Amino acid sequence: MRLKRVCRTRTRKLGTGTCRSRPVGCRNHTGIAGRRLSGGAVTPPAVPVVLSSTIDPTNPDGIVVQFDQQMTLTCDIKDQINVIIDGAAPIHPLTVVHDTADPAIWALTFPTDFVAGQVITWAYDDQAACDWQSLASGIEIDNQTYGVTNNVPVVVSSDSVIDGTDNIVDGTDNIIN
């Protein structure tokens, strides 16, 4: 984002009958809302930050993304999100929706459940037509890769029991179902 220098001028009449203008109240300006600090400087609004990306064990078919501010979409962005599971080819979510109670929390849903132990990352392509942006400032999230905390529990099956008579000679296990 390029900052533009904005100054007001004050005209002062000199003793010689001529006028002289000098800049006063100069500040950097982004063209969008910012916070004014002492001295007249304006800080540009912050780029939205992803605070966390997790898979909730109660909803293992989705990734919950939490931002530091409320977010909005300009149009459907599901094809702009690439999710990589264990280094495989990227997949796209079926839906990208915000929590109705808090637009800083978003859910990415997928056709199948994630499983324990999978290493998952996601990235947003900010070069496409649609924007995932701050509701307040309109600033888009950065194009970077985000890690996902996989909270899907390991499931230990109790269906199979080893009977304790493993055959070491031929390498087979005796399993009772």
N, C-alpha and C. Protein backbone atom coordinates (compact mmCIF):
# COMPACT_ATOMS: atom_id res chain seq x y z
N MET A 1 0.85 -1.15 0.00
CA MET A 1 0.00 0.00 0.00
C MET A 1 0.91 1.22 0.00
N ARG A 2 0.67 2.12 -0.89
CA ARG A 2 1.47 3.34 -1.02
C ARG A 2 0.85 4.46 -0.18
N LEU A 3 1.69 5.10 0.62
CA LEU A 3 1.22 6.22 1.43
C LEU A 3 1.40 7.51 0.65
N LYS A 4 0.44 8.40 0.74
CA LYS A 4 0.48 9.68 0.07
C LYS A 4 0.66 10.76 1.13
N ARG A 5 1.57 11.69 0.89
CA ARG A 5 1.82 12.78 1.83
C ARG A 5 0.76 13.85 1.63
N VAL A 6 0.03 14.16 2.68
CA VAL A 6 -1.04 15.16 2.62
C VAL A 6 -0.69 16.29 3.58
N CYS A 7 -0.70 17.53 3.07
CA CYS A 7 -0.38 18.68 3.90
C CYS A 7 -1.42 19.78 3.71
N ARG A 8 -1.74 20.46 4.77
CA ARG A 8 -2.49 21.70 4.67
C ARG A 8 -1.47 22.82 4.63
N THR A 9 -1.84 23.93 4.05
CA THR A 9 -0.89 25.05 4.01
C THR A 9 -1.45 26.23 4.77
N ARG A 10 -0.55 27.03 5.28
CA ARG A 10 -0.92 28.25 5.99
C ARG A 10 -0.21 29.40 5.28
N THR A 11 -0.98 30.39 4.90
CA THR A 11 -0.41 31.54 4.20
C THR A 11 -0.18 32.64 5.22
N ARG A 12 0.97 33.25 5.12
CA ARG A 12 1.35 34.30 6.05
C ARG A 12 1.84 35.50 5.26
N LYS A 13 1.36 36.66 5.61
CA LYS A 13 1.79 37.88 4.93
C LYS A 13 3.08 38.36 5.58
N LEU A 14 4.07 38.55 4.72
CA LEU A 14 5.36 39.02 5.20
C LEU A 14 5.36 40.54 5.23
N GLY A 15 6.31 41.13 5.93
CA GLY A 15 6.41 42.58 6.05
C GLY A 15 6.64 43.29 4.72
N THR A 16 7.10 42.58 3.71
CA THR A 16 7.39 43.19 2.42
C THR A 16 6.16 43.25 1.52
N GLY A 17 5.01 42.82 2.00
CA GLY A 17 3.80 42.84 1.20
C GLY A 17 3.59 41.57 0.40
N THR A 18 4.51 40.61 0.50
CA THR A 18 4.34 39.35 -0.22
C THR A 18 3.80 38.30 0.73
N CYS A 19 3.24 37.27 0.14
CA CYS A 19 2.69 36.18 0.94
C CYS A 19 3.57 34.95 0.77
N ARG A 20 3.62 34.16 1.82
CA ARG A 20 4.39 32.93 1.76
C ARG A 20 3.56 31.81 2.36
N SER A 21 3.48 30.68 1.67
CA SER A 21 2.76 29.51 2.18
C SER A 21 3.76 28.51 2.71
N ARG A 22 3.42 27.91 3.79
CA ARG A 22 4.27 26.83 4.31
C ARG A 22 3.37 25.68 4.74
N PRO A 23 3.86 24.46 4.59
CA PRO A 23 3.03 23.31 4.96
C PRO A 23 2.88 23.20 6.48
N VAL A 24 1.67 22.87 6.89
CA VAL A 24 1.39 22.61 8.30
C VAL A 24 0.50 21.37 8.38
N GLY A 25 0.56 20.68 9.45
CA GLY A 25 -0.33 19.53 9.66
C GLY A 25 -0.11 18.42 8.65
N CYS A 26 1.14 18.18 8.24
CA CYS A 26 1.41 17.11 7.27
C CYS A 26 1.22 15.75 7.93
N ARG A 27 0.76 14.82 7.13
CA ARG A 27 0.58 13.45 7.62
C ARG A 27 0.61 12.51 6.44
N ASN A 28 0.88 11.27 6.72
CA ASN A 28 0.79 10.24 5.70
C ASN A 28 -0.65 9.79 5.62
N HIS A 29 -1.12 9.57 4.41
CA HIS A 29 -2.53 9.22 4.23
C HIS A 29 -2.63 8.05 3.26
N THR A 30 -3.45 7.06 3.60
CA THR A 30 -3.61 5.87 2.78
C THR A 30 -4.82 5.94 1.88
N GLY A 31 -5.71 6.89 2.10
CA GLY A 31 -6.94 6.94 1.33
C GLY A 31 -8.05 6.14 1.98
N ILE A 32 -7.72 5.40 3.05
CA ILE A 32 -8.73 4.66 3.80
C ILE A 32 -8.59 5.00 5.27
N ALA A 33 -9.58 4.61 6.03
CA ALA A 33 -9.61 4.99 7.44
C ALA A 33 -8.39 4.46 8.19
N GLY A 34 -7.85 5.26 9.07
CA GLY A 34 -6.73 4.86 9.89
C GLY A 34 -6.87 5.49 11.26
N ARG A 35 -5.94 5.22 12.15
CA ARG A 35 -5.97 5.83 13.46
C ARG A 35 -4.98 6.98 13.50
N ARG A 36 -5.41 8.10 14.02
CA ARG A 36 -4.54 9.26 14.14
C ARG A 36 -3.80 9.16 15.47
N LEU A 37 -2.49 9.31 15.38
CA LEU A 37 -1.66 9.34 16.57
C LEU A 37 -1.30 10.78 16.89
N SER A 38 -0.70 11.01 18.03
CA SER A 38 -0.31 12.37 18.36
C SER A 38 0.67 12.88 17.31
N GLY A 39 0.61 14.15 17.02
CA GLY A 39 1.49 14.72 16.02
C GLY A 39 0.89 14.69 14.63
N GLY A 40 -0.33 14.20 14.47
CA GLY A 40 -1.00 14.23 13.18
C GLY A 40 -0.72 13.05 12.28
N ALA A 41 0.16 12.12 12.66
CA ALA A 41 0.44 10.98 11.80
C ALA A 41 -0.74 10.01 11.80
N VAL A 42 -0.97 9.39 10.68
CA VAL A 42 -2.04 8.41 10.57
C VAL A 42 -1.40 7.05 10.33
N THR A 43 -1.75 6.09 11.17
CA THR A 43 -1.25 4.74 10.95
C THR A 43 -2.25 4.01 10.06
N PRO A 44 -1.77 3.32 9.05
CA PRO A 44 -2.69 2.59 8.19
C PRO A 44 -3.33 1.43 8.96
N PRO A 45 -4.53 1.03 8.58
CA PRO A 45 -5.17 -0.11 9.24
C PRO A 45 -4.31 -1.36 9.07
N ALA A 46 -4.40 -2.23 10.03
CA ALA A 46 -3.58 -3.44 10.02
C ALA A 46 -4.11 -4.47 9.03
N VAL A 47 -3.18 -5.22 8.45
CA VAL A 47 -3.54 -6.35 7.61
C VAL A 47 -4.14 -7.41 8.53
N PRO A 48 -5.25 -8.04 8.15
CA PRO A 48 -5.84 -9.07 9.01
C PRO A 48 -4.85 -10.20 9.29
N VAL A 49 -4.85 -10.67 10.52
CA VAL A 49 -3.94 -11.72 10.96
C VAL A 49 -4.74 -12.96 11.32
N VAL A 50 -4.27 -14.12 10.85
CA VAL A 50 -4.87 -15.39 11.24
C VAL A 50 -4.32 -15.76 12.62
N LEU A 51 -5.20 -15.82 13.62
CA LEU A 51 -4.78 -16.18 14.97
C LEU A 51 -4.63 -17.68 15.14
N SER A 52 -5.53 -18.45 14.51
CA SER A 52 -5.45 -19.90 14.62
C SER A 52 -6.21 -20.56 13.48
N SER A 53 -5.78 -21.78 13.17
CA SER A 53 -6.47 -22.66 12.22
C SER A 53 -6.48 -24.04 12.87
N THR A 54 -7.68 -24.54 13.17
CA THR A 54 -7.78 -25.80 13.90
C THR A 54 -8.86 -26.70 13.31
N ILE A 55 -8.70 -27.98 13.59
CA ILE A 55 -9.74 -28.95 13.27
C ILE A 55 -10.35 -29.36 14.60
N ASP A 56 -11.62 -29.09 14.75
CA ASP A 56 -12.34 -29.42 15.98
C ASP A 56 -12.72 -30.90 15.94
N PRO A 57 -12.44 -31.65 17.00
CA PRO A 57 -12.78 -33.09 16.99
C PRO A 57 -14.27 -33.36 16.80
N THR A 58 -15.13 -32.40 17.14
CA THR A 58 -16.57 -32.61 16.96
C THR A 58 -17.00 -32.36 15.51
N ASN A 59 -16.16 -31.69 14.72
CA ASN A 59 -16.43 -31.43 13.30
C ASN A 59 -15.18 -31.75 12.49
N PRO A 60 -14.82 -33.04 12.35
CA PRO A 60 -13.55 -33.37 11.69
C PRO A 60 -13.54 -33.16 10.18
N ASP A 61 -14.64 -32.67 9.61
CA ASP A 61 -14.66 -32.40 8.16
C ASP A 61 -14.39 -30.93 7.86
N GLY A 62 -13.90 -30.18 8.85
CA GLY A 62 -13.70 -28.76 8.61
C GLY A 62 -12.52 -28.17 9.34
N ILE A 63 -12.10 -27.01 8.86
CA ILE A 63 -11.04 -26.23 9.50
C ILE A 63 -11.68 -24.93 9.98
N VAL A 64 -11.46 -24.60 11.25
CA VAL A 64 -11.95 -23.35 11.81
C VAL A 64 -10.80 -22.35 11.80
N VAL A 65 -11.02 -21.20 11.16
CA VAL A 65 -10.00 -20.16 11.05
C VAL A 65 -10.47 -18.96 11.87
N GLN A 66 -9.61 -18.50 12.78
CA GLN A 66 -9.94 -17.34 13.58
C GLN A 66 -9.00 -16.19 13.24
N PHE A 67 -9.60 -15.02 12.93
CA PHE A 67 -8.84 -13.81 12.61
C PHE A 67 -8.82 -12.86 13.80
N ASP A 68 -7.95 -11.86 13.72
CA ASP A 68 -7.87 -10.85 14.78
C ASP A 68 -8.92 -9.75 14.61
N GLN A 69 -9.71 -9.82 13.55
CA GLN A 69 -10.75 -8.82 13.29
C GLN A 69 -11.86 -9.45 12.46
N GLN A 70 -12.99 -8.77 12.38
CA GLN A 70 -14.11 -9.29 11.61
C GLN A 70 -13.78 -9.22 10.12
N MET A 71 -14.19 -10.25 9.39
CA MET A 71 -13.85 -10.39 7.98
C MET A 71 -15.10 -10.51 7.13
N THR A 72 -14.93 -10.28 5.82
CA THR A 72 -16.02 -10.42 4.87
C THR A 72 -15.46 -10.92 3.55
N LEU A 73 -16.34 -11.39 2.68
CA LEU A 73 -15.97 -11.85 1.33
C LEU A 73 -16.61 -10.95 0.30
N THR A 74 -15.90 -10.68 -0.79
CA THR A 74 -16.51 -9.91 -1.88
C THR A 74 -17.28 -10.84 -2.81
N CYS A 75 -16.92 -12.11 -2.85
CA CYS A 75 -17.65 -13.15 -3.59
C CYS A 75 -17.10 -14.51 -3.14
N ASP A 76 -17.54 -15.59 -3.74
CA ASP A 76 -17.16 -16.94 -3.31
C ASP A 76 -15.66 -17.18 -3.54
N ILE A 77 -14.92 -17.54 -2.48
CA ILE A 77 -13.47 -17.70 -2.58
C ILE A 77 -13.01 -19.15 -2.44
N LYS A 78 -13.93 -20.11 -2.42
CA LYS A 78 -13.50 -21.48 -2.12
C LYS A 78 -12.44 -22.01 -3.09
N ASP A 79 -12.46 -21.55 -4.35
CA ASP A 79 -11.45 -21.99 -5.30
C ASP A 79 -10.12 -21.27 -5.13
N GLN A 80 -10.08 -20.26 -4.27
CA GLN A 80 -8.85 -19.53 -3.98
C GLN A 80 -8.13 -20.07 -2.74
N ILE A 81 -8.71 -21.08 -2.10
CA ILE A 81 -8.10 -21.68 -0.91
C ILE A 81 -7.59 -23.06 -1.28
N ASN A 82 -6.30 -23.27 -1.07
CA ASN A 82 -5.66 -24.55 -1.34
C ASN A 82 -5.30 -25.20 -0.01
N VAL A 83 -5.81 -26.40 0.20
CA VAL A 83 -5.51 -27.16 1.41
C VAL A 83 -4.66 -28.35 1.01
N ILE A 84 -3.54 -28.52 1.69
CA ILE A 84 -2.62 -29.62 1.41
C ILE A 84 -2.59 -30.54 2.62
N ILE A 85 -2.84 -31.82 2.36
CA ILE A 85 -2.84 -32.84 3.41
C ILE A 85 -1.66 -33.79 3.16
N ASP A 86 -0.76 -33.85 4.12
CA ASP A 86 0.41 -34.72 4.04
C ASP A 86 1.19 -34.56 2.73
N GLY A 87 1.28 -33.34 2.22
CA GLY A 87 2.08 -33.07 1.03
C GLY A 87 1.43 -33.48 -0.29
N ALA A 88 0.19 -33.93 -0.26
CA ALA A 88 -0.50 -34.35 -1.49
C ALA A 88 -0.94 -33.13 -2.30
N ALA A 89 -1.58 -33.39 -3.43
CA ALA A 89 -2.08 -32.31 -4.29
C ALA A 89 -3.12 -31.49 -3.52
N PRO A 90 -3.17 -30.19 -3.79
CA PRO A 90 -4.12 -29.33 -3.07
C PRO A 90 -5.57 -29.66 -3.37
N ILE A 91 -6.41 -29.46 -2.36
CA ILE A 91 -7.85 -29.60 -2.53
C ILE A 91 -8.48 -28.27 -2.12
N HIS A 92 -9.73 -28.07 -2.53
CA HIS A 92 -10.47 -26.84 -2.19
C HIS A 92 -11.62 -27.20 -1.25
N PRO A 93 -11.98 -26.29 -0.36
CA PRO A 93 -13.13 -26.55 0.52
C PRO A 93 -14.44 -26.51 -0.28
N LEU A 94 -15.46 -27.18 0.27
CA LEU A 94 -16.80 -27.14 -0.33
C LEU A 94 -17.45 -25.79 -0.04
N THR A 95 -17.25 -25.30 1.20
CA THR A 95 -17.83 -24.02 1.59
C THR A 95 -16.84 -23.23 2.44
N VAL A 96 -17.02 -21.91 2.43
CA VAL A 96 -16.28 -20.99 3.28
C VAL A 96 -17.33 -20.04 3.86
N VAL A 97 -17.62 -20.19 5.15
CA VAL A 97 -18.66 -19.38 5.78
C VAL A 97 -18.18 -18.86 7.13
N HIS A 98 -18.73 -17.70 7.54
CA HIS A 98 -18.36 -17.16 8.85
C HIS A 98 -19.37 -17.60 9.90
N ASP A 99 -18.90 -17.59 11.13
CA ASP A 99 -19.74 -17.88 12.28
C ASP A 99 -20.77 -16.75 12.39
N THR A 100 -22.04 -17.10 12.51
CA THR A 100 -23.09 -16.07 12.55
C THR A 100 -22.96 -15.16 13.77
N ALA A 101 -22.38 -15.65 14.84
CA ALA A 101 -22.22 -14.84 16.05
C ALA A 101 -20.95 -13.99 16.01
N ASP A 102 -19.94 -14.42 15.23
CA ASP A 102 -18.66 -13.71 15.22
C ASP A 102 -18.02 -13.78 13.84
N PRO A 103 -18.08 -12.71 13.04
CA PRO A 103 -17.48 -12.72 11.70
C PRO A 103 -15.95 -12.76 11.69
N ALA A 104 -15.32 -12.90 12.86
CA ALA A 104 -13.87 -13.11 12.90
C ALA A 104 -13.54 -14.61 12.86
N ILE A 105 -14.57 -15.46 12.97
CA ILE A 105 -14.39 -16.91 12.95
C ILE A 105 -15.05 -17.47 11.69
N TRP A 106 -14.26 -18.25 10.93
CA TRP A 106 -14.72 -18.80 9.66
C TRP A 106 -14.54 -20.31 9.65
N ALA A 107 -15.40 -21.00 8.89
CA ALA A 107 -15.32 -22.46 8.77
C ALA A 107 -15.12 -22.84 7.31
N LEU A 108 -14.13 -23.69 7.07
CA LEU A 108 -13.90 -24.28 5.76
C LEU A 108 -14.34 -25.73 5.86
N THR A 109 -15.30 -26.16 5.06
CA THR A 109 -15.78 -27.54 5.15
C THR A 109 -15.34 -28.34 3.92
N PHE A 110 -15.17 -29.65 4.13
CA PHE A 110 -14.63 -30.55 3.10
C PHE A 110 -15.52 -31.78 2.97
N PRO A 111 -15.41 -32.51 1.87
CA PRO A 111 -16.30 -33.65 1.65
C PRO A 111 -16.01 -34.85 2.56
N THR A 112 -14.80 -34.95 3.08
CA THR A 112 -14.46 -36.09 3.95
C THR A 112 -13.81 -35.56 5.23
N ASP A 113 -13.82 -36.41 6.24
CA ASP A 113 -13.23 -36.05 7.53
C ASP A 113 -11.70 -36.10 7.46
N PHE A 114 -11.08 -35.24 8.24
CA PHE A 114 -9.65 -35.33 8.47
C PHE A 114 -9.44 -36.41 9.52
N VAL A 115 -8.25 -37.00 9.54
CA VAL A 115 -7.96 -38.04 10.53
C VAL A 115 -6.76 -37.63 11.37
N ALA A 116 -6.62 -38.28 12.51
CA ALA A 116 -5.52 -37.98 13.43
C ALA A 116 -4.19 -38.20 12.72
N GLY A 117 -3.24 -37.34 13.01
CA GLY A 117 -1.90 -37.51 12.49
C GLY A 117 -1.64 -36.85 11.14
N GLN A 118 -2.68 -36.42 10.44
CA GLN A 118 -2.46 -35.76 9.16
C GLN A 118 -1.83 -34.38 9.40
N VAL A 119 -0.86 -34.04 8.55
CA VAL A 119 -0.25 -32.72 8.59
C VAL A 119 -0.95 -31.89 7.52
N ILE A 120 -1.58 -30.80 7.95
CA ILE A 120 -2.46 -30.03 7.07
C ILE A 120 -2.02 -28.57 7.06
N THR A 121 -1.97 -27.98 5.87
CA THR A 121 -1.73 -26.55 5.71
C THR A 121 -2.77 -26.00 4.73
N TRP A 122 -2.97 -24.69 4.80
CA TRP A 122 -3.85 -24.05 3.82
C TRP A 122 -3.25 -22.71 3.43
N ALA A 123 -3.59 -22.29 2.21
CA ALA A 123 -3.11 -21.01 1.70
C ALA A 123 -4.23 -20.34 0.94
N TYR A 124 -4.22 -19.02 0.96
CA TYR A 124 -5.22 -18.20 0.27
C TYR A 124 -4.55 -17.49 -0.89
N ASP A 125 -5.14 -17.56 -2.08
CA ASP A 125 -4.61 -16.89 -3.27
C ASP A 125 -5.23 -15.51 -3.37
N ASP A 126 -4.44 -14.49 -3.08
CA ASP A 126 -4.97 -13.12 -3.10
C ASP A 126 -4.87 -12.46 -4.47
N GLN A 127 -4.49 -13.21 -5.50
CA GLN A 127 -4.36 -12.65 -6.84
C GLN A 127 -5.61 -12.87 -7.70
N ALA A 128 -6.61 -13.53 -7.17
CA ALA A 128 -7.82 -13.81 -7.94
C ALA A 128 -8.83 -12.66 -7.78
N ALA A 129 -10.00 -12.84 -8.37
CA ALA A 129 -10.99 -11.77 -8.45
C ALA A 129 -11.66 -11.44 -7.11
N CYS A 130 -11.86 -12.44 -6.27
CA CYS A 130 -12.57 -12.23 -5.01
C CYS A 130 -11.59 -11.93 -3.87
N ASP A 131 -12.08 -11.22 -2.86
CA ASP A 131 -11.23 -10.84 -1.73
C ASP A 131 -11.80 -11.36 -0.42
N TRP A 132 -10.90 -11.87 0.43
CA TRP A 132 -11.21 -12.20 1.82
C TRP A 132 -10.59 -11.06 2.60
N GLN A 133 -11.40 -10.15 3.10
CA GLN A 133 -10.89 -8.88 3.60
C GLN A 133 -11.51 -8.47 4.91
N SER A 134 -10.85 -7.49 5.53
CA SER A 134 -11.34 -6.92 6.78
C SER A 134 -12.67 -6.23 6.53
N LEU A 135 -13.62 -6.45 7.43
CA LEU A 135 -14.92 -5.81 7.32
C LEU A 135 -14.79 -4.30 7.52
N ALA A 136 -13.89 -3.86 8.40
CA ALA A 136 -13.75 -2.43 8.71
C ALA A 136 -12.96 -1.66 7.67
N SER A 137 -11.82 -2.22 7.23
CA SER A 137 -10.91 -1.44 6.37
C SER A 137 -10.89 -1.88 4.91
N GLY A 138 -11.36 -3.08 4.62
CA GLY A 138 -11.29 -3.58 3.25
C GLY A 138 -9.93 -4.13 2.86
N ILE A 139 -9.01 -4.24 3.81
CA ILE A 139 -7.67 -4.78 3.52
C ILE A 139 -7.76 -6.30 3.48
N GLU A 140 -7.15 -6.89 2.44
CA GLU A 140 -7.18 -8.33 2.20
C GLU A 140 -6.13 -9.04 3.05
N ILE A 141 -6.38 -10.33 3.35
CA ILE A 141 -5.38 -11.11 4.10
C ILE A 141 -4.19 -11.40 3.19
N ASP A 142 -3.06 -11.68 3.81
CA ASP A 142 -1.83 -11.97 3.07
C ASP A 142 -1.90 -13.33 2.40
N ASN A 143 -1.17 -13.43 1.31
CA ASN A 143 -1.02 -14.69 0.60
C ASN A 143 0.16 -15.42 1.25
N GLN A 144 -0.15 -16.31 2.16
CA GLN A 144 0.88 -17.11 2.81
C GLN A 144 0.29 -18.44 3.21
N THR A 145 1.14 -19.36 3.64
CA THR A 145 0.69 -20.69 4.06
C THR A 145 0.51 -20.70 5.57
N TYR A 146 -0.63 -21.25 6.00
CA TYR A 146 -0.96 -21.32 7.42
C TYR A 146 -1.01 -22.79 7.85
N GLY A 147 -0.40 -23.10 8.98
CA GLY A 147 -0.48 -24.44 9.53
C GLY A 147 -1.81 -24.66 10.23
N VAL A 148 -2.25 -25.91 10.27
CA VAL A 148 -3.51 -26.26 10.91
C VAL A 148 -3.22 -27.17 12.10
N THR A 149 -3.79 -26.84 13.26
CA THR A 149 -3.68 -27.71 14.43
C THR A 149 -4.73 -28.80 14.30
N ASN A 150 -4.25 -30.03 14.17
CA ASN A 150 -5.15 -31.16 13.98
C ASN A 150 -5.51 -31.75 15.34
N ASN A 151 -6.74 -31.48 15.79
CA ASN A 151 -7.22 -31.97 17.09
C ASN A 151 -8.06 -33.23 16.99
N VAL A 152 -8.01 -33.91 15.84
CA VAL A 152 -8.77 -35.15 15.70
C VAL A 152 -8.08 -36.22 16.55
N PRO A 153 -8.82 -36.83 17.46
CA PRO A 153 -8.18 -37.81 18.35
C PRO A 153 -7.85 -39.12 17.62
N VAL A 154 -6.82 -39.78 18.13
CA VAL A 154 -6.46 -41.12 17.63
C VAL A 154 -7.51 -42.09 18.14
N VAL A 155 -8.07 -42.87 17.23
CA VAL A 155 -9.08 -43.84 17.62
C VAL A 155 -8.43 -45.21 17.70
N VAL A 156 -8.52 -45.81 18.88
CA VAL A 156 -8.00 -47.15 19.09
C VAL A 156 -9.17 -48.11 18.96
N SER A 157 -9.06 -49.02 18.01
CA SER A 157 -10.14 -49.96 17.77
C SER A 157 -10.08 -51.09 18.80
N SER A 158 -11.23 -51.42 19.36
CA SER A 158 -11.30 -52.54 20.31
C SER A 158 -11.89 -53.78 19.64
N ASP A 159 -12.02 -53.73 18.31
CA ASP A 159 -12.61 -54.86 17.59
C ASP A 159 -11.67 -56.05 17.50
N SER A 160 -10.37 -55.79 17.41
CA SER A 160 -9.41 -56.88 17.24
C SER A 160 -8.58 -57.06 18.50
N VAL A 161 -8.39 -58.30 18.92
CA VAL A 161 -7.58 -58.61 20.10
C VAL A 161 -6.56 -59.66 19.71
N ILE A 162 -5.32 -59.41 20.06
CA ILE A 162 -4.28 -60.41 19.80
C ILE A 162 -4.37 -61.45 20.90
N ASP A 163 -4.35 -62.71 20.49
CA ASP A 163 -4.56 -63.78 21.48
C ASP A 163 -3.30 -64.17 22.23
N GLY A 164 -2.18 -63.54 21.92
CA GLY A 164 -0.97 -63.83 22.68
C GLY A 164 -0.20 -65.01 22.15
N THR A 165 -0.63 -65.63 21.07
CA THR A 165 0.08 -66.79 20.53
C THR A 165 0.68 -66.44 19.17
N ASP A 166 1.33 -65.27 19.08
CA ASP A 166 1.93 -64.86 17.81
C ASP A 166 2.96 -65.90 17.38
N ASN A 167 2.96 -66.19 16.10
CA ASN A 167 3.87 -67.19 15.55
C ASN A 167 5.11 -66.47 15.04
N ILE A 168 6.18 -66.49 15.81
CA ILE A 168 7.40 -65.78 15.47
C ILE A 168 8.09 -66.43 14.27
N VAL A 169 7.97 -67.74 14.13
CA VAL A 169 8.69 -68.45 13.06
C VAL A 169 8.26 -68.00 11.67
N ASP A 170 6.93 -67.93 11.42
CA ASP A 170 6.49 -67.56 10.07
C ASP A 170 6.08 -66.08 9.95
N GLY A 171 6.17 -65.30 11.01
CA GLY A 171 5.91 -63.86 10.96
C GLY A 171 4.43 -63.49 10.93
N THR A 172 3.54 -64.43 11.22
CA THR A 172 2.11 -64.09 11.20
C THR A 172 1.62 -63.82 12.63
N ASP A 173 0.58 -63.02 12.72
CA ASP A 173 -0.05 -62.75 14.02
C ASP A 173 -1.39 -63.49 14.04
N ASN A 174 -1.71 -64.01 15.17
CA ASN A 174 -3.01 -64.66 15.35
C ASN A 174 -3.96 -63.65 15.95
N ILE A 175 -4.96 -63.20 15.18
CA ILE A 175 -5.89 -62.18 15.61
C ILE A 175 -7.25 -62.80 15.75
N ILE A 176 -7.90 -62.50 16.87
CA ILE A 176 -9.27 -62.98 17.11
C ILE A 176 -10.21 -61.80 16.94
N ASN A 177 -11.20 -61.96 16.11
CA ASN A 177 -12.21 -60.91 15.89
C ASN A 177 -13.47 -61.21 16.63
